[in-house]
Structure formats: structure tokens, C-alpha cells
């Protein structure tokens, strides 16, 4: 069954859906990193938005 995008909740907001290109592009753009870097972070850290935000900030600080 297809994902019903009208039924979102708190759980959806706390995750970055790696399979949804627009979410990965938005995350990458928000943090000033490439899409590939964002995908690598998701693979390494998981899809928890708070953890990803922290990891992206560390990456930018290098």
C-alpha cells in the first residue's frame, strides 16, 4: 500500500526518509552539504532528524 502523505504525525517529523529524494535534498540544502554527503550521513547515523542535524553541524565545522 502506498504511503498516505496526508497522515503524518510527530513520528514522521522526527525522521528523514532516505527513500524520499525531496527530503534528502531538503536536508542537504538546509545544512549546505551535498546530497551524497546527506545520504552517507543517513547510512552512518540513521534517520533520526536530531542526530542527523548534529552530525551535519559537526561535518560543516571541519
C-alpha atoms as a PDB file:
ATOM      1  CA  UNK A   1       0.000   0.000   0.000  1.00  0.00           C
ATOM      2  CA  UNK A   2       1.272   3.462  -0.853  1.00  0.00           C
ATOM      3  CA  UNK A   3       2.391   5.843   1.868  1.00  0.00           C
ATOM      4  CA  UNK A   4      -0.500   8.187   2.672  1.00  0.00           C
ATOM      5  CA  UNK A   5       1.168  11.598   2.895  1.00  0.00           C
ATOM      6  CA  UNK A   6      -1.976  13.121   4.433  1.00  0.00           C
ATOM      7  CA  UNK A   7      -1.479  11.048   7.581  1.00  0.00           C
ATOM      8  CA  UNK A   8       1.643  12.465   9.147  1.00  0.00           C
ATOM      9  CA  UNK A   9       2.370  12.829  12.794  1.00  0.00           C
ATOM     10  CA  UNK A  10       5.118  13.535  15.264  1.00  0.00           C
ATOM     11  CA  UNK A  11       6.973  10.369  14.312  1.00  0.00           C
ATOM     12  CA  UNK A  12       7.264  11.486  10.705  1.00  0.00           C
ATOM     13  CA  UNK A  13       8.682  14.851  11.682  1.00  0.00           C
ATOM     14  CA  UNK A  14      11.432  13.249  13.729  1.00  0.00           C
ATOM     15  CA  UNK A  15      12.801  11.218  10.830  1.00  0.00           C
ATOM     16  CA  UNK A  16      14.403  11.879   7.459  1.00  0.00           C
ATOM     17  CA  UNK A  17      13.026   9.461   4.879  1.00  0.00           C
ATOM     18  CA  UNK A  18      16.115   8.381   2.954  1.00  0.00           C
ATOM     19  CA  UNK A  19      13.928   6.884   0.234  1.00  0.00           C
ATOM     20  CA  UNK A  20      12.240  10.225  -0.453  1.00  0.00           C
ATOM     21  CA  UNK A  21      14.531  12.289  -2.674  1.00  0.00           C
ATOM     22  CA  UNK A  22      12.895  15.575  -1.758  1.00  0.00           C
ATOM     23  CA  UNK A  23      13.563  15.006   1.951  1.00  0.00           C
ATOM     24  CA  UNK A  24      17.224  14.196   1.337  1.00  0.00           C
ATOM     25  CA  UNK A  25      17.579  17.242  -0.947  1.00  0.00           C
ATOM     26  CA  UNK A  26      15.947  19.495   1.654  1.00  0.00           C
ATOM     27  CA  UNK A  27      18.164  18.153   4.441  1.00  0.00           C
ATOM     28  CA  UNK A  28      21.293  18.633   2.313  1.00  0.00           C
ATOM     29  CA  UNK A  29      20.271  22.147   1.295  1.00  0.00           C
ATOM     30  CA  UNK A  30      19.405  23.116   4.868  1.00  0.00           C
ATOM     31  CA  UNK A  31      22.892  22.169   6.045  1.00  0.00           C
ATOM     32  CA  UNK A  32      24.869  23.293   2.987  1.00  0.00           C
ATOM     33  CA  UNK A  33      26.114  19.791   2.171  1.00  0.00           C
ATOM     34  CA  UNK A  34      25.832  17.692  -0.969  1.00  0.00           C
ATOM     35  CA  UNK A  35      23.094  15.154  -1.484  1.00  0.00           C
ATOM     36  CA  UNK A  36      25.723  12.395  -1.431  1.00  0.00           C
ATOM     37  CA  UNK A  37      27.040  13.639   1.928  1.00  0.00           C
ATOM     38  CA  UNK A  38      23.473  13.664   3.270  1.00  0.00           C
ATOM     39  CA  UNK A  39      22.872  10.103   2.056  1.00  0.00           C
ATOM     40  CA  UNK A  40      26.169   8.982   3.630  1.00  0.00           C
ATOM     41  CA  UNK A  41      25.166  10.589   6.945  1.00  0.00           C
ATOM     42  CA  UNK A  42      21.803   8.835   6.886  1.00  0.00           C
ATOM     43  CA  UNK A  43      23.509   5.488   6.266  1.00  0.00           C
ATOM     44  CA  UNK A  44      26.019   6.108   9.049  1.00  0.00           C
ATOM     45  CA  UNK A  45      23.851   7.813  11.696  1.00  0.00           C
ATOM     46  CA  UNK A  46      20.372   6.538  10.873  1.00  0.00           C
ATOM     47  CA  UNK A  47      17.286   8.576  10.060  1.00  0.00           C
ATOM     48  CA  UNK A  48      16.722  10.340  13.402  1.00  0.00           C
ATOM     49  CA  UNK A  49      16.487  14.038  12.492  1.00  0.00           C
ATOM     50  CA  UNK A  50      18.079  15.359  15.719  1.00  0.00           C
ATOM     51  CA  UNK A  51      21.096  13.057  15.386  1.00  0.00           C
ATOM     52  CA  UNK A  52      21.433  13.902  11.698  1.00  0.00           C
ATOM     53  CA  UNK A  53      21.277  17.641  12.392  1.00  0.00           C
ATOM     54  CA  UNK A  54      24.046  17.300  14.980  1.00  0.00           C
ATOM     55  CA  UNK A  55      26.197  15.195  12.651  1.00  0.00           C
ATOM     56  CA  UNK A  56      25.715  17.643   9.788  1.00  0.00           C
ATOM     57  CA  UNK A  57      26.761  20.545  12.017  1.00  0.00           C
ATOM     58  CA  UNK A  58      29.914  18.667  13.013  1.00  0.00           C
ATOM     59  CA  UNK A  59      30.631  17.944   9.336  1.00  0.00           C
ATOM     60  CA  UNK A  60      30.327  21.625   8.438  1.00  0.00           C
ATOM     61  CA  UNK A  61      32.614  22.591  11.325  1.00  0.00           C
ATOM     62  CA  UNK A  62      35.546  20.663   9.851  1.00  0.00           C
END
